[in-house]
Protein backbone atom coordinates (compact mmCIF):
# COMPACT_ATOMS: atom_id res chain seq x y z
CA UNK A 1 -43.26 -8.33 16.12
CA UNK A 2 -39.48 -8.41 15.67
CA UNK A 3 -37.36 -8.99 18.78
CA UNK A 4 -34.21 -7.71 17.08
CA UNK A 5 -32.52 -5.01 19.10
CA UNK A 6 -31.79 -1.70 17.35
CA UNK A 7 -28.26 -0.78 16.32
CA UNK A 8 -26.28 0.93 19.03
CA UNK A 9 -25.49 4.51 18.09
CA UNK A 10 -22.49 6.44 19.33
CA UNK A 11 -24.97 8.71 21.12
CA UNK A 12 -26.11 5.68 23.15
CA UNK A 13 -22.67 5.28 24.71
CA UNK A 14 -21.65 6.98 27.97
CA UNK A 15 -20.36 10.48 27.19
CA UNK A 16 -16.77 9.61 28.09
CA UNK A 17 -16.85 6.70 25.62
CA UNK A 18 -18.05 8.68 22.63
CA UNK A 19 -15.15 8.90 20.15
CA UNK A 20 -16.61 11.88 18.28
CA UNK A 21 -16.82 13.93 21.49
CA UNK A 22 -13.31 12.83 22.50
CA UNK A 23 -12.05 13.93 19.08
CA UNK A 24 -13.61 17.37 19.49
CA UNK A 25 -12.35 17.80 23.04
CA UNK A 26 -8.88 16.25 22.87
CA UNK A 27 -8.01 16.20 19.19
CA UNK A 28 -7.83 13.46 16.59
CA UNK A 29 -4.47 12.16 17.84
CA UNK A 30 -6.08 11.17 21.14
CA UNK A 31 -8.21 8.52 19.44
CA UNK A 32 -7.21 4.90 18.97
CA UNK A 33 -7.57 3.18 15.60
CA UNK A 34 -10.80 1.62 16.78
CA UNK A 35 -12.22 4.95 17.88
CA UNK A 36 -11.30 6.61 14.57
CA UNK A 37 -13.04 3.84 12.67
CA UNK A 38 -16.05 4.09 15.00
CA UNK A 39 -16.44 7.76 14.06
CA UNK A 40 -16.67 6.71 10.42
CA UNK A 41 -19.14 3.95 11.20
CA UNK A 42 -21.44 6.17 13.25
CA UNK A 43 -23.35 3.17 14.57
CA UNK A 44 -22.84 -0.49 15.28
CA UNK A 45 -25.29 -3.31 14.80
CA UNK A 46 -27.88 -4.96 17.01
CA UNK A 47 -26.26 -5.52 20.38
CA UNK A 48 -22.85 -4.25 19.24
CA UNK A 49 -21.59 -0.69 19.63
CA UNK A 50 -19.76 1.18 16.89
CA UNK A 51 -16.50 0.88 18.83
CA UNK A 52 -16.89 -2.89 19.22
CA UNK A 53 -17.77 -3.26 15.54
CA UNK A 54 -14.76 -1.15 14.60
CA UNK A 55 -12.47 -3.39 16.66
CA UNK A 56 -13.93 -6.48 14.96
CA UNK A 57 -13.27 -4.97 11.54
CA UNK A 58 -9.69 -4.02 12.39
CA UNK A 59 -8.92 -7.43 13.88
CA UNK A 60 -10.64 -9.32 11.08
CA UNK A 61 -8.98 -7.45 8.23
CA UNK A 62 -5.60 -6.74 9.79
CA UNK A 63 -5.81 -3.05 10.64
CA UNK A 64 -6.06 -0.12 8.27
CA UNK A 65 -3.48 -1.63 5.93
CA UNK A 66 -5.68 -4.70 5.64
CA UNK A 67 -8.73 -2.55 4.95
CA UNK A 68 -6.80 -0.89 2.14
CA UNK A 69 -5.63 -4.21 0.76
CA UNK A 70 -9.03 -5.90 0.76
CA UNK A 71 -11.72 -5.23 -1.82
CA UNK A 72 -14.78 -3.35 -0.60
CA UNK A 73 -16.75 -6.59 -0.95
CA UNK A 74 -14.83 -7.95 2.04
CA UNK A 75 -16.16 -5.12 4.20
CA UNK A 76 -19.68 -5.78 2.99
CA UNK A 77 -19.43 -9.35 4.26
CA UNK A 78 -19.21 -8.05 7.83
CA UNK A 79 -22.56 -7.93 9.60
CA UNK A 80 -23.48 -4.34 10.37
CA UNK A 81 -21.45 -2.82 7.51
CA UNK A 82 -23.61 -1.70 4.60
CA UNK A 83 -22.63 0.03 1.39
CA UNK A 84 -22.59 3.52 2.92
CA UNK A 85 -20.32 2.52 5.80
CA UNK A 86 -18.02 0.47 3.58
CA UNK A 87 -17.69 3.34 1.11
CA UNK A 88 -16.85 5.82 3.90
CA UNK A 89 -14.20 3.53 5.32
CA UNK A 90 -12.49 2.83 1.98
CA UNK A 91 -12.62 6.50 1.03
CA UNK A 92 -11.09 7.62 4.35
CA UNK A 93 -8.20 5.16 4.06
CA UNK A 94 -7.50 6.32 0.51
CA UNK A 95 -7.66 10.00 1.49
CA UNK A 96 -5.02 9.39 4.15
CA UNK A 97 -2.73 7.78 1.62
CA UNK A 98 -3.20 10.49 -0.99
CA UNK A 99 -2.52 13.22 1.55
CA UNK A 100 0.71 11.51 2.56
CA UNK A 101 1.73 11.10 -1.07
CA UNK A 102 0.95 14.74 -1.89
CA UNK A 103 3.10 15.97 0.98
CA UNK A 104 6.15 14.01 -0.15
CA UNK A 105 5.47 13.43 -3.82
CA UNK A 106 7.65 16.29 -5.07
CA UNK A 107 10.70 15.53 -2.94
CA UNK A 108 11.29 11.79 -2.96
CA UNK A 109 14.98 11.00 -2.67
CA UNK A 110 15.87 7.32 -2.90
CA UNK A 111 18.87 6.40 -0.78
CA UNK A 112 17.87 2.94 0.42
CA UNK A 113 15.48 0.17 -0.63
CA UNK A 114 13.36 1.16 2.37
CA UNK A 115 12.79 4.53 0.69
CA UNK A 116 11.40 2.80 -2.38
CA UNK A 117 9.16 0.60 -0.24
CA UNK A 118 7.85 3.68 1.55
CA UNK A 119 6.95 5.22 -1.79
CA UNK A 120 5.38 2.19 -3.48
CA UNK A 121 4.45 -0.11 -0.63
CA UNK A 122 0.93 1.20 -0.12
CA UNK A 123 -0.03 0.54 -3.74
CA UNK A 124 1.74 -2.80 -4.10
CA UNK A 125 0.66 -4.30 -0.79
CA UNK A 126 -2.90 -3.36 -1.64
CA UNK A 127 -2.90 -5.26 -4.93
CA UNK A 128 -4.10 -8.84 -5.31
CA UNK A 129 -2.23 -9.11 -8.62
CA UNK A 130 1.46 -8.92 -9.35
CA UNK A 131 2.55 -5.46 -10.48
CA UNK A 132 5.87 -4.34 -11.92
CA UNK A 133 6.88 -0.69 -11.43
CA UNK A 134 9.68 1.42 -12.88
CA UNK A 135 11.03 4.46 -11.03
CA UNK A 136 13.48 6.79 -12.71
CA UNK A 137 15.78 9.27 -10.98
CA UNK A 138 18.17 12.12 -11.72
CA UNK A 139 21.88 12.28 -10.91
CA UNK A 140 21.12 13.11 -7.26
CA UNK A 141 18.73 10.18 -6.86
CA UNK A 142 15.68 12.44 -6.77
CA UNK A 143 12.66 10.67 -8.21
CA UNK A 144 11.63 12.14 -11.54
CA UNK A 145 8.60 9.91 -12.02
CA UNK A 146 7.26 6.38 -11.65
CA UNK A 147 5.01 4.13 -13.68
CA UNK A 148 3.33 0.77 -13.45
CA UNK A 149 4.68 -1.17 -16.42
CA UNK A 150 2.87 -4.49 -16.01
CA UNK A 151 0.01 -5.92 -14.00
CA UNK A 152 -0.72 -9.62 -13.78
CA UNK A 153 1.25 -12.81 -13.33
CA UNK A 154 4.73 -12.68 -14.77
CA UNK A 155 4.09 -16.14 -16.16
CA UNK A 156 1.61 -14.48 -18.48
CA UNK A 157 3.34 -11.12 -18.79
CA UNK A 158 7.09 -11.39 -19.30
CA UNK A 159 8.90 -8.19 -18.40
CA UNK A 160 10.69 -6.80 -21.43
CA UNK A 161 13.91 -5.02 -20.53
CA UNK A 162 13.55 -2.75 -23.55
CA UNK A 163 10.26 -1.45 -22.15
CA UNK A 164 11.93 -0.62 -18.84
CA UNK A 165 14.59 1.54 -20.47
CA UNK A 166 12.32 3.05 -23.12
CA UNK A 167 10.74 5.12 -20.37
CA UNK A 168 14.01 5.96 -18.66
CA UNK A 169 15.85 7.05 -21.80
CA UNK A 170 12.95 9.18 -23.02
CA UNK A 171 13.02 11.12 -19.73
CA UNK A 172 16.81 11.65 -19.78
CA UNK A 173 17.09 9.95 -16.42
CA UNK A 174 20.40 8.98 -14.84
CA UNK A 175 19.24 6.00 -12.80
CA UNK A 176 16.45 3.50 -12.47
CA UNK A 177 14.94 1.27 -9.81
CA UNK A 178 12.38 -1.43 -10.37
CA UNK A 179 9.98 -3.08 -7.96
CA UNK A 180 7.26 -5.67 -7.97
CA UNK A 181 5.04 -7.31 -5.40
CA UNK A 182 4.32 -10.89 -4.44
CA UNK A 183 0.57 -11.10 -3.73
CA UNK A 184 1.24 -14.26 -1.72
CA UNK A 185 2.83 -11.97 0.86
CA UNK A 186 6.24 -13.68 0.79
CA UNK A 187 8.89 -11.29 -0.62
CA UNK A 188 11.50 -14.02 -1.16
CA UNK A 189 13.10 -13.69 -4.58
CA UNK A 190 12.74 -16.42 -7.19
CA UNK A 191 15.43 -17.51 -9.69
CA UNK A 192 13.39 -15.71 -12.35
CA UNK A 193 13.53 -12.50 -10.29
CA UNK A 194 17.30 -12.75 -10.08
CA UNK A 195 17.67 -13.46 -13.80
CA UNK A 196 15.42 -10.53 -14.65
CA UNK A 197 17.55 -8.27 -12.46
CA UNK A 198 20.72 -9.45 -14.16
CA UNK A 199 19.27 -8.62 -17.59
CA UNK A 200 18.21 -5.15 -16.45
CA UNK A 201 21.65 -4.42 -14.99
CA UNK A 202 23.42 -5.49 -18.20
CA UNK A 203 21.13 -3.31 -20.29
CA UNK A 204 21.78 -0.39 -17.95
CA UNK A 205 25.53 -0.75 -18.44
CA UNK A 206 25.13 -0.56 -22.22
CA UNK A 207 23.02 2.58 -21.91
CA UNK A 208 25.14 4.15 -19.16
CA UNK A 209 22.16 4.24 -16.80
CA UNK A 210 22.63 3.21 -13.18
CA UNK A 211 20.40 0.39 -11.95
CA UNK A 212 20.13 1.02 -8.24
CA UNK A 213 18.09 -1.98 -7.11
CA UNK A 214 15.24 -4.37 -7.73
CA UNK A 215 12.96 -4.56 -4.71
CA UNK A 216 10.31 -7.20 -4.09
CA UNK A 217 7.52 -6.10 -1.77
CA UNK A 218 5.56 -8.56 0.34
CA UNK A 219 2.80 -8.12 2.86
CA UNK A 220 5.00 -7.40 5.88
CA UNK A 221 8.47 -7.14 4.42
CA UNK A 222 10.60 -6.74 1.33
CA UNK A 223 13.66 -8.15 -0.39
CA UNK A 224 16.39 -6.04 -1.95
CA UNK A 225 18.02 -8.00 -4.76
CA UNK A 226 21.09 -5.77 -4.44
CA UNK A 227 21.46 -6.63 -0.76
CA UNK A 228 20.86 -10.34 -1.32
CA UNK A 229 22.86 -10.67 -4.55
CA UNK A 230 25.51 -7.92 -4.60
CA UNK A 231 27.67 -9.87 -7.09
CA UNK A 232 25.17 -8.93 -9.82
CA UNK A 233 26.42 -5.36 -9.62
CA UNK A 234 30.14 -6.20 -9.85
């Protein structure tokens, strides 16, 4: 006969501690991150409530941004999280991002490097490979479109300046910004990053297309090449 205790369900908690009931009574904004995740989990594991399991997941993976960044296999490594729970969690995080993108997707105006990070940061921080993105804009710095140009180590995939401007010219854009991530988490620019930026700026001058910035996105921060190396734009 097994002596393993059954998983603790949300219904097993005192009524005041049930996140689903609190959500219905006080609204979703009243719930903490742990309580929101507990609603998705529905149950904990033997001897551990859904709320406690949710807190362990958030602490272990670094919050919702960490859940987004990690592969679903990382969730499955956590005791008490099966395929159904892992799928619900990953899907919910992605829904939140897509809703946010849909609300702002048609009106992105890039005025600062922070604006670019806000637009691309979710995708780039969630990637375990280096990605290089091109964003093209009109004369008023309204984003016309964006595209991932490369994925993988730049040692293996050298960014071709002609490919950057092929997209921009074909769309009759007035300006361009580029961005890439450092999967290591450190957004500090390398000499190669600076040289790449210089080449893009020079090509932009020949084509009469403004190069607004090259932004490197790390785990918790970013580097604007224009802010760090303004002489490139002189």
